[in-house]
Amino acid sequence: MPLVELEDALSRHGDALMGVPGVVGVGETEFEGRPAVMIMVLEDSEEIRAALPETVAGFPIVVDVTGEITAFPAAAGETE
């Protein structure tokens, strides 16, 4: 599956995934050599996993425990 389709899937479903309590981010990754949706979570729990789908638009879900994610301001001279 082309990466463009994964980007489209994230665009269409990202807000709903971010609405799951405990989810702190969504992104692109690979699973078994194929494009997949990465779901970043505060902690691994049965409740979070039960609230997440197994696939999004046919792409598998990969759960990554990252904890809280904090954005840092861009350094001088960098663009966002």
PDB file of N, CA and C in Angstrom:
ATOM      1  N   MET A   1       0.833  -1.183   0.000  1.00  0.00           N
ATOM      2  CA  MET A   1       0.000   0.000   0.000  1.00  0.00           C
ATOM      3  C   MET A   1       0.876   1.244   0.000  1.00  0.00           C
ATOM      4  N   PRO A   2       0.569   2.188  -0.823  1.00  0.00           N
ATOM      5  CA  PRO A   2       1.382   3.410  -0.873  1.00  0.00           C
ATOM      6  C   PRO A   2       1.255   4.235   0.400  1.00  0.00           C
ATOM      7  N   LEU A   3       2.327   4.958   0.715  1.00  0.00           N
ATOM      8  CA  LEU A   3       2.355   5.805   1.900  1.00  0.00           C
ATOM      9  C   LEU A   3       1.274   6.872   1.851  1.00  0.00           C
ATOM     10  N   VAL A   4       0.923   7.349   0.665  1.00  0.00           N
ATOM     11  CA  VAL A   4      -0.101   8.379   0.525  1.00  0.00           C
ATOM     12  C   VAL A   4      -1.409   7.891   1.143  1.00  0.00           C
ATOM     13  N   GLU A   5      -1.734   6.640   0.964  1.00  0.00           N
ATOM     14  CA  GLU A   5      -2.962   6.109   1.540  1.00  0.00           C
ATOM     15  C   GLU A   5      -2.886   6.107   3.059  1.00  0.00           C
ATOM     16  N   LEU A   6      -1.715   5.827   3.627  1.00  0.00           N
ATOM     17  CA  LEU A   6      -1.552   5.861   5.071  1.00  0.00           C
ATOM     18  C   LEU A   6      -1.731   7.284   5.584  1.00  0.00           C
ATOM     19  N   GLU A   7      -1.137   8.246   4.898  1.00  0.00           N
ATOM     20  CA  GLU A   7      -1.311   9.649   5.283  1.00  0.00           C
ATOM     21  C   GLU A   7      -2.788  10.035   5.250  1.00  0.00           C
ATOM     22  N   ASP A   8      -3.507   9.577   4.247  1.00  0.00           N
ATOM     23  CA  ASP A   8      -4.936   9.869   4.133  1.00  0.00           C
ATOM     24  C   ASP A   8      -5.697   9.217   5.288  1.00  0.00           C
ATOM     25  N   ALA A   9      -5.359   7.985   5.622  1.00  0.00           N
ATOM     26  CA  ALA A   9      -6.018   7.282   6.728  1.00  0.00           C
ATOM     27  C   ALA A   9      -5.791   8.034   8.037  1.00  0.00           C
ATOM     28  N   LEU A  10      -4.572   8.512   8.263  1.00  0.00           N
ATOM     29  CA  LEU A  10      -4.285   9.262   9.483  1.00  0.00           C
ATOM     30  C   LEU A  10      -5.044  10.585   9.488  1.00  0.00           C
ATOM     31  N   SER A  11      -5.150  11.220   8.340  1.00  0.00           N
ATOM     32  CA  SER A  11      -5.883  12.471   8.248  1.00  0.00           C
ATOM     33  C   SER A  11      -7.357  12.265   8.578  1.00  0.00           C
ATOM     34  N   ARG A  12      -7.917  11.177   8.090  1.00  0.00           N
ATOM     35  CA  ARG A  12      -9.344  10.914   8.297  1.00  0.00           C
ATOM     36  C   ARG A  12      -9.656  10.387   9.698  1.00  0.00           C
ATOM     37  N   HIS A  13      -8.747   9.627  10.303  1.00  0.00           N
ATOM     38  CA  HIS A  13      -9.051   8.932  11.556  1.00  0.00           C
ATOM     39  C   HIS A  13      -8.234   9.419  12.749  1.00  0.00           C
ATOM     40  N   GLY A  14      -7.278  10.296  12.521  1.00  0.00           N
ATOM     41  CA  GLY A  14      -6.390  10.742  13.590  1.00  0.00           C
ATOM     42  C   GLY A  14      -7.097  11.389  14.762  1.00  0.00           C
ATOM     43  N   ASP A  15      -8.066  12.252  14.493  1.00  0.00           N
ATOM     44  CA  ASP A  15      -8.781  12.932  15.576  1.00  0.00           C
ATOM     45  C   ASP A  15      -9.529  11.936  16.458  1.00  0.00           C
ATOM     46  N   ALA A  16     -10.171  10.948  15.837  1.00  0.00           N
ATOM     47  CA  ALA A  16     -10.904   9.940  16.617  1.00  0.00           C
ATOM     48  C   ALA A  16      -9.941   9.117  17.468  1.00  0.00           C
ATOM     49  N   LEU A  17      -8.794   8.765  16.908  1.00  0.00           N
ATOM     50  CA  LEU A  17      -7.801   8.004  17.672  1.00  0.00           C
ATOM     51  C   LEU A  17      -7.259   8.831  18.827  1.00  0.00           C
ATOM     52  N   MET A  18      -7.010  10.120  18.580  1.00  0.00           N
ATOM     53  CA  MET A  18      -6.506  10.999  19.638  1.00  0.00           C
ATOM     54  C   MET A  18      -7.556  11.205  20.733  1.00  0.00           C
ATOM     55  N   GLY A  19      -8.820  10.972  20.426  1.00  0.00           N
ATOM     56  CA  GLY A  19      -9.881  11.114  21.402  1.00  0.00           C
ATOM     57  C   GLY A  19      -9.981   9.965  22.390  1.00  0.00           C
ATOM     58  N   VAL A  20      -9.239   8.891  22.151  1.00  0.00           N
ATOM     59  CA  VAL A  20      -9.253   7.756  23.075  1.00  0.00           C
ATOM     60  C   VAL A  20      -8.439   8.145  24.309  1.00  0.00           C
ATOM     61  N   PRO A  21      -9.027   8.059  25.501  1.00  0.00           N
ATOM     62  CA  PRO A  21      -8.279   8.411  26.714  1.00  0.00           C
ATOM     63  C   PRO A  21      -6.989   7.596  26.824  1.00  0.00           C
ATOM     64  N   GLY A  22      -5.890   8.307  27.073  1.00  0.00           N
ATOM     65  CA  GLY A  22      -4.588   7.657  27.191  1.00  0.00           C
ATOM     66  C   GLY A  22      -3.742   7.727  25.941  1.00  0.00           C
ATOM     67  N   VAL A  23      -4.363   8.083  24.794  1.00  0.00           N
ATOM     68  CA  VAL A  23      -3.609   8.228  23.551  1.00  0.00           C
ATOM     69  C   VAL A  23      -3.008   9.624  23.520  1.00  0.00           C
ATOM     70  N   VAL A  24      -1.685   9.701  23.268  1.00  0.00           N
ATOM     71  CA  VAL A  24      -1.004  10.996  23.250  1.00  0.00           C
ATOM     72  C   VAL A  24      -0.456  11.364  21.874  1.00  0.00           C
ATOM     73  N   GLY A  25      -0.566  10.453  20.912  1.00  0.00           N
ATOM     74  CA  GLY A  25      -0.088  10.764  19.577  1.00  0.00           C
ATOM     75  C   GLY A  25      -0.394   9.655  18.591  1.00  0.00           C
ATOM     76  N   VAL A  26      -0.425  10.008  17.319  1.00  0.00           N
ATOM     77  CA  VAL A  26      -0.582   9.032  16.240  1.00  0.00           C
ATOM     78  C   VAL A  26       0.446   9.360  15.165  1.00  0.00           C
ATOM     79  N   GLY A  27       0.879   8.351  14.453  1.00  0.00           N
ATOM     80  CA  GLY A  27       1.867   8.578  13.411  1.00  0.00           C
ATOM     81  C   GLY A  27       1.998   7.380  12.497  1.00  0.00           C
ATOM     82  N   GLU A  28       3.018   7.434  11.672  1.00  0.00           N
ATOM     83  CA  GLU A  28       3.287   6.377  10.695  1.00  0.00           C
ATOM     84  C   GLU A  28       4.439   5.524  11.178  1.00  0.00           C
ATOM     85  N   THR A  29       4.358   4.230  10.919  1.00  0.00           N
ATOM     86  CA  THR A  29       5.443   3.312  11.240  1.00  0.00           C
ATOM     87  C   THR A  29       5.365   2.135  10.274  1.00  0.00           C
ATOM     88  N   GLU A  30       6.128   1.108  10.541  1.00  0.00           N
ATOM     89  CA  GLU A  30       6.065  -0.124   9.761  1.00  0.00           C
ATOM     90  C   GLU A  30       5.846  -1.295  10.705  1.00  0.00           C
ATOM     91  N   PHE A  31       5.151  -2.292  10.214  1.00  0.00           N
ATOM     92  CA  PHE A  31       4.938  -3.529  10.949  1.00  0.00           C
ATOM     93  C   PHE A  31       5.103  -4.664   9.960  1.00  0.00           C
ATOM     94  N   GLU A  32       6.059  -5.541  10.235  1.00  0.00           N
ATOM     95  CA  GLU A  32       6.361  -6.668   9.348  1.00  0.00           C
ATOM     96  C   GLU A  32       6.615  -6.201   7.922  1.00  0.00           C
ATOM     97  N   GLY A  33       7.341  -5.068   7.788  1.00  0.00           N
ATOM     98  CA  GLY A  33       7.733  -4.555   6.480  1.00  0.00           C
ATOM     99  C   GLY A  33       6.653  -3.819   5.717  1.00  0.00           C
ATOM    100  N   ARG A  34       5.520  -3.568   6.350  1.00  0.00           N
ATOM    101  CA  ARG A  34       4.427  -2.871   5.674  1.00  0.00           C
ATOM    102  C   ARG A  34       4.044  -1.621   6.459  1.00  0.00           C
ATOM    103  N   PRO A  35       3.481  -0.615   5.802  1.00  0.00           N
ATOM    104  CA  PRO A  35       3.048   0.596   6.505  1.00  0.00           C
ATOM    105  C   PRO A  35       2.018   0.261   7.576  1.00  0.00           C
ATOM    106  N   ALA A  36       2.104   0.984   8.692  1.00  0.00           N
ATOM    107  CA  ALA A  36       1.185   0.765   9.807  1.00  0.00           C
ATOM    108  C   ALA A  36       0.930   2.083  10.521  1.00  0.00           C
ATOM    109  N   VAL A  37      -0.095   2.102  11.354  1.00  0.00           N
ATOM    110  CA  VAL A  37      -0.443   3.270  12.159  1.00  0.00           C
ATOM    111  C   VAL A  37       0.151   3.083  13.551  1.00  0.00           C
ATOM    112  N   MET A  38       0.968   4.049  13.985  1.00  0.00           N
ATOM    113  CA  MET A  38       1.516   4.008  15.331  1.00  0.00           C
ATOM    114  C   MET A  38       0.595   4.810  16.245  1.00  0.00           C
ATOM    115  N   ILE A  39       0.210   4.196  17.349  1.00  0.00           N
ATOM    116  CA  ILE A  39      -0.583   4.867  18.371  1.00  0.00           C
ATOM    117  C   ILE A  39       0.314   4.990  19.600  1.00  0.00           C
ATOM    118  N   MET A  40       0.619   6.216  19.996  1.00  0.00           N
ATOM    119  CA  MET A  40       1.450   6.464  21.173  1.00  0.00           C
ATOM    120  C   MET A  40       0.547   6.664  22.376  1.00  0.00           C
ATOM    121  N   VAL A  41       0.844   5.927  23.461  1.00  0.00           N
ATOM    122  CA  VAL A  41      -0.017   5.941  24.639  1.00  0.00           C
ATOM    123  C   VAL A  41       0.783   6.273  25.892  1.00  0.00           C
ATOM    124  N   LEU A  42       0.055   6.775  26.908  1.00  0.00           N
ATOM    125  CA  LEU A  42       0.685   7.077  28.197  1.00  0.00           C
ATOM    126  C   LEU A  42       1.194   5.809  28.855  1.00  0.00           C
ATOM    127  N   GLU A  43       0.361   4.772  28.849  1.00  0.00           N
ATOM    128  CA  GLU A  43       0.714   3.493  29.453  1.00  0.00           C
ATOM    129  C   GLU A  43      -0.048   2.396  28.734  1.00  0.00           C
ATOM    130  N   ASP A  44       0.453   1.186  28.838  1.00  0.00           N
ATOM    131  CA  ASP A  44      -0.217   0.053  28.212  1.00  0.00           C
ATOM    132  C   ASP A  44      -1.253  -0.478  29.203  1.00  0.00           C
ATOM    133  N   SER A  45      -2.504  -0.478  28.792  1.00  0.00           N
ATOM    134  CA  SER A  45      -3.550  -1.001  29.659  1.00  0.00           C
ATOM    135  C   SER A  45      -4.594  -1.717  28.815  1.00  0.00           C
ATOM    136  N   GLU A  46      -5.329  -2.602  29.463  1.00  0.00           N
ATOM    137  CA  GLU A  46      -6.405  -3.313  28.773  1.00  0.00           C
ATOM    138  C   GLU A  46      -7.477  -2.346  28.296  1.00  0.00           C
ATOM    139  N   GLU A  47      -7.732  -1.287  29.074  1.00  0.00           N
ATOM    140  CA  GLU A  47      -8.762  -0.322  28.707  1.00  0.00           C
ATOM    141  C   GLU A  47      -8.401   0.406  27.416  1.00  0.00           C
ATOM    142  N   ILE A  48      -7.138   0.842  27.314  1.00  0.00           N
ATOM    143  CA  ILE A  48      -6.714   1.549  26.101  1.00  0.00           C
ATOM    144  C   ILE A  48      -6.762   0.614  24.909  1.00  0.00           C
ATOM    145  N   ARG A  49      -6.209  -0.579  25.070  1.00  0.00           N
ATOM    146  CA  ARG A  49      -6.195  -1.528  23.943  1.00  0.00           C
ATOM    147  C   ARG A  49      -7.614  -1.899  23.502  1.00  0.00           C
ATOM    148  N   ALA A  50      -8.540  -2.022  24.461  1.00  0.00           N
ATOM    149  CA  ALA A  50      -9.924  -2.359  24.117  1.00  0.00           C
ATOM    150  C   ALA A  50     -10.606  -1.225  23.350  1.00  0.00           C
ATOM    151  N   ALA A  51     -10.181   0.013  23.594  1.00  0.00           N
ATOM    152  CA  ALA A  51     -10.785   1.169  22.936  1.00  0.00           C
ATOM    153  C   ALA A  51     -10.207   1.414  21.541  1.00  0.00           C
ATOM    154  N   LEU A  52      -9.094   0.766  21.200  1.00  0.00           N
ATOM    155  CA  LEU A  52      -8.449   0.974  19.904  1.00  0.00           C
ATOM    156  C   LEU A  52      -8.854  -0.103  18.908  1.00  0.00           C
ATOM    157  N   PRO A  53      -8.997   0.260  17.654  1.00  0.00           N
ATOM    158  CA  PRO A  53      -9.276  -0.757  16.637  1.00  0.00           C
ATOM    159  C   PRO A  53      -8.005  -1.567  16.352  1.00  0.00           C
ATOM    160  N   GLU A  54      -8.175  -2.722  15.738  1.00  0.00           N
ATOM    161  CA  GLU A  54      -7.007  -3.537  15.347  1.00  0.00           C
ATOM    162  C   GLU A  54      -6.377  -2.995  14.076  1.00  0.00           C
ATOM    163  N   THR A  55      -7.198  -2.346  13.238  1.00  0.00           N
ATOM    164  CA  THR A  55      -6.702  -1.742  11.999  1.00  0.00           C
ATOM    165  C   THR A  55      -7.408  -0.410  11.790  1.00  0.00           C
ATOM    166  N   VAL A  56      -6.776   0.436  10.974  1.00  0.00           N
ATOM    167  CA  VAL A  56      -7.373   1.702  10.539  1.00  0.00           C
ATOM    168  C   VAL A  56      -7.248   1.739   9.023  1.00  0.00           C
ATOM    169  N   ALA A  57      -8.374   1.746   8.348  1.00  0.00           N
ATOM    170  CA  ALA A  57      -8.398   1.766   6.876  1.00  0.00           C
ATOM    171  C   ALA A  57      -7.537   0.649   6.293  1.00  0.00           C
ATOM    172  N   GLY A  58      -7.523  -0.496   6.987  1.00  0.00           N
ATOM    173  CA  GLY A  58      -6.763  -1.650   6.514  1.00  0.00           C
ATOM    174  C   GLY A  58      -5.322  -1.690   6.973  1.00  0.00           C
ATOM    175  N   PHE A  59      -4.831  -0.638   7.618  1.00  0.00           N
ATOM    176  CA  PHE A  59      -3.463  -0.601   8.130  1.00  0.00           C
ATOM    177  C   PHE A  59      -3.453  -1.125   9.566  1.00  0.00           C
ATOM    178  N   PRO A  60      -2.488  -1.992   9.895  1.00  0.00           N
ATOM    179  CA  PRO A  60      -2.418  -2.497  11.267  1.00  0.00           C
ATOM    180  C   PRO A  60      -2.043  -1.393  12.248  1.00  0.00           C
ATOM    181  N   ILE A  61      -2.441  -1.591  13.498  1.00  0.00           N
ATOM    182  CA  ILE A  61      -2.130  -0.671  14.582  1.00  0.00           C
ATOM    183  C   ILE A  61      -0.914  -1.208  15.339  1.00  0.00           C
ATOM    184  N   VAL A  62       0.021  -0.324  15.642  1.00  0.00           N
ATOM    185  CA  VAL A  62       1.161  -0.636  16.492  1.00  0.00           C
ATOM    186  C   VAL A  62       1.092   0.307  17.679  1.00  0.00           C
ATOM    187  N   VAL A  63       1.003  -0.242  18.889  1.00  0.00           N
ATOM    188  CA  VAL A  63       0.922   0.572  20.095  1.00  0.00           C
ATOM    189  C   VAL A  63       2.327   0.759  20.658  1.00  0.00           C
ATOM    190  N   ASP A  64       2.688   2.021  20.934  1.00  0.00           N
ATOM    191  CA  ASP A  64       3.997   2.360  21.481  1.00  0.00           C
ATOM    192  C   ASP A  64       3.785   3.151  22.766  1.00  0.00           C
ATOM    193  N   VAL A  65       4.314   2.637  23.882  1.00  0.00           N
ATOM    194  CA  VAL A  65       4.178   3.326  25.163  1.00  0.00           C
ATOM    195  C   VAL A  65       5.262   4.400  25.229  1.00  0.00           C
ATOM    196  N   THR A  66       4.841   5.653  25.137  1.00  0.00           N
ATOM    197  CA  THR A  66       5.785   6.774  25.133  1.00  0.00           C
ATOM    198  C   THR A  66       5.709   7.603  26.397  1.00  0.00           C
ATOM    199  N   GLY A  67       4.618   7.473  27.147  1.00  0.00           N
ATOM    200  CA  GLY A  67       4.388   8.388  28.252  1.00  0.00           C
ATOM    201  C   GLY A  67       3.932   9.716  27.693  1.00  0.00           C
ATOM    202  N   GLU A  68       3.993  10.741  28.533  1.00  0.00           N
ATOM    203  CA  GLU A  68       3.557  12.084  28.116  1.00  0.00           C
ATOM    204  C   GLU A  68       4.500  12.627  27.044  1.00  0.00           C
ATOM    205  N   ILE A  69       3.937  13.282  26.046  1.00  0.00           N
ATOM    206  CA  ILE A  69       4.730  13.898  24.984  1.00  0.00           C
ATOM    207  C   ILE A  69       4.622  15.410  25.137  1.00  0.00           C
ATOM    208  N   THR A  70       5.771  16.080  25.140  1.00  0.00           N
ATOM    209  CA  THR A  70       5.812  17.529  25.285  1.00  0.00           C
ATOM    210  C   THR A  70       6.472  18.138  24.062  1.00  0.00           C
ATOM    211  N   ALA A  71       5.798  19.093  23.452  1.00  0.00           N
ATOM    212  CA  ALA A  71       6.375  19.803  22.304  1.00  0.00           C
ATOM    213  C   ALA A  71       7.268  20.917  22.817  1.00  0.00           C
ATOM    214  N   PHE A  72       8.417  21.043  22.214  1.00  0.00           N
ATOM    215  CA  PHE A  72       9.340  22.124  22.563  1.00  0.00           C
ATOM    216  C   PHE A  72       9.251  23.199  21.496  1.00  0.00           C
ATOM    217  N   PRO A  73       9.413  24.459  21.884  1.00  0.00           N
ATOM    218  CA  PRO A  73       9.394  25.535  20.879  1.00  0.00           C
ATOM    219  C   PRO A  73      10.573  25.374  19.911  1.00  0.00           C
ATOM    220  N   ALA A  74      10.375  25.822  18.693  1.00  0.00           N
ATOM    221  CA  ALA A  74      11.440  25.748  17.693  1.00  0.00           C
ATOM    222  C   ALA A  74      12.606  26.642  18.123  1.00  0.00           C
ATOM    223  N   ALA A  75      13.807  26.150  17.876  1.00  0.00           N
ATOM    224  CA  ALA A  75      15.013  26.935  18.180  1.00  0.00           C
ATOM    225  C   ALA A  75      15.150  28.058  17.163  1.00  0.00           C
ATOM    226  N   ALA A  76      15.907  29.070  17.501  1.00  0.00           N
ATOM    227  CA  ALA A  76      16.125  30.205  16.587  1.00  0.00           C
ATOM    228  C   ALA A  76      16.641  29.693  15.248  1.00  0.00           C
ATOM    229  N   GLY A  77      16.032  30.144  14.192  1.00  0.00           N
ATOM    230  CA  GLY A  77      16.477  29.761  12.855  1.00  0.00           C
ATOM    231  C   GLY A  77      15.793  28.499  12.318  1.00  0.00           C
ATOM    232  N   GLU A  78      15.068  27.765  13.157  1.00  0.00           N
ATOM    233  CA  GLU A  78      14.372  26.577  12.709  1.00  0.00           C
ATOM    234  C   GLU A  78      12.951  26.932  12.328  1.00  0.00           C
ATOM    235  N   THR A  79      12.373  26.142  11.425  1.00  0.00           N
ATOM    236  CA  THR A  79      10.976  26.315  11.079  1.00  0.00           C
ATOM    237  C   THR A  79      10.194  25.180  11.686  1.00  0.00           C
ATOM    238  N   GLU A  80       8.920  25.413  11.915  1.00  0.00           N
ATOM    239  CA  GLU A  80       8.078  24.381  12.509  1.00  0.00           C
ATOM    240  C   GLU A  80       7.604  23.417  11.487  1.00  0.00           C
TER     241      GLU A  80
END
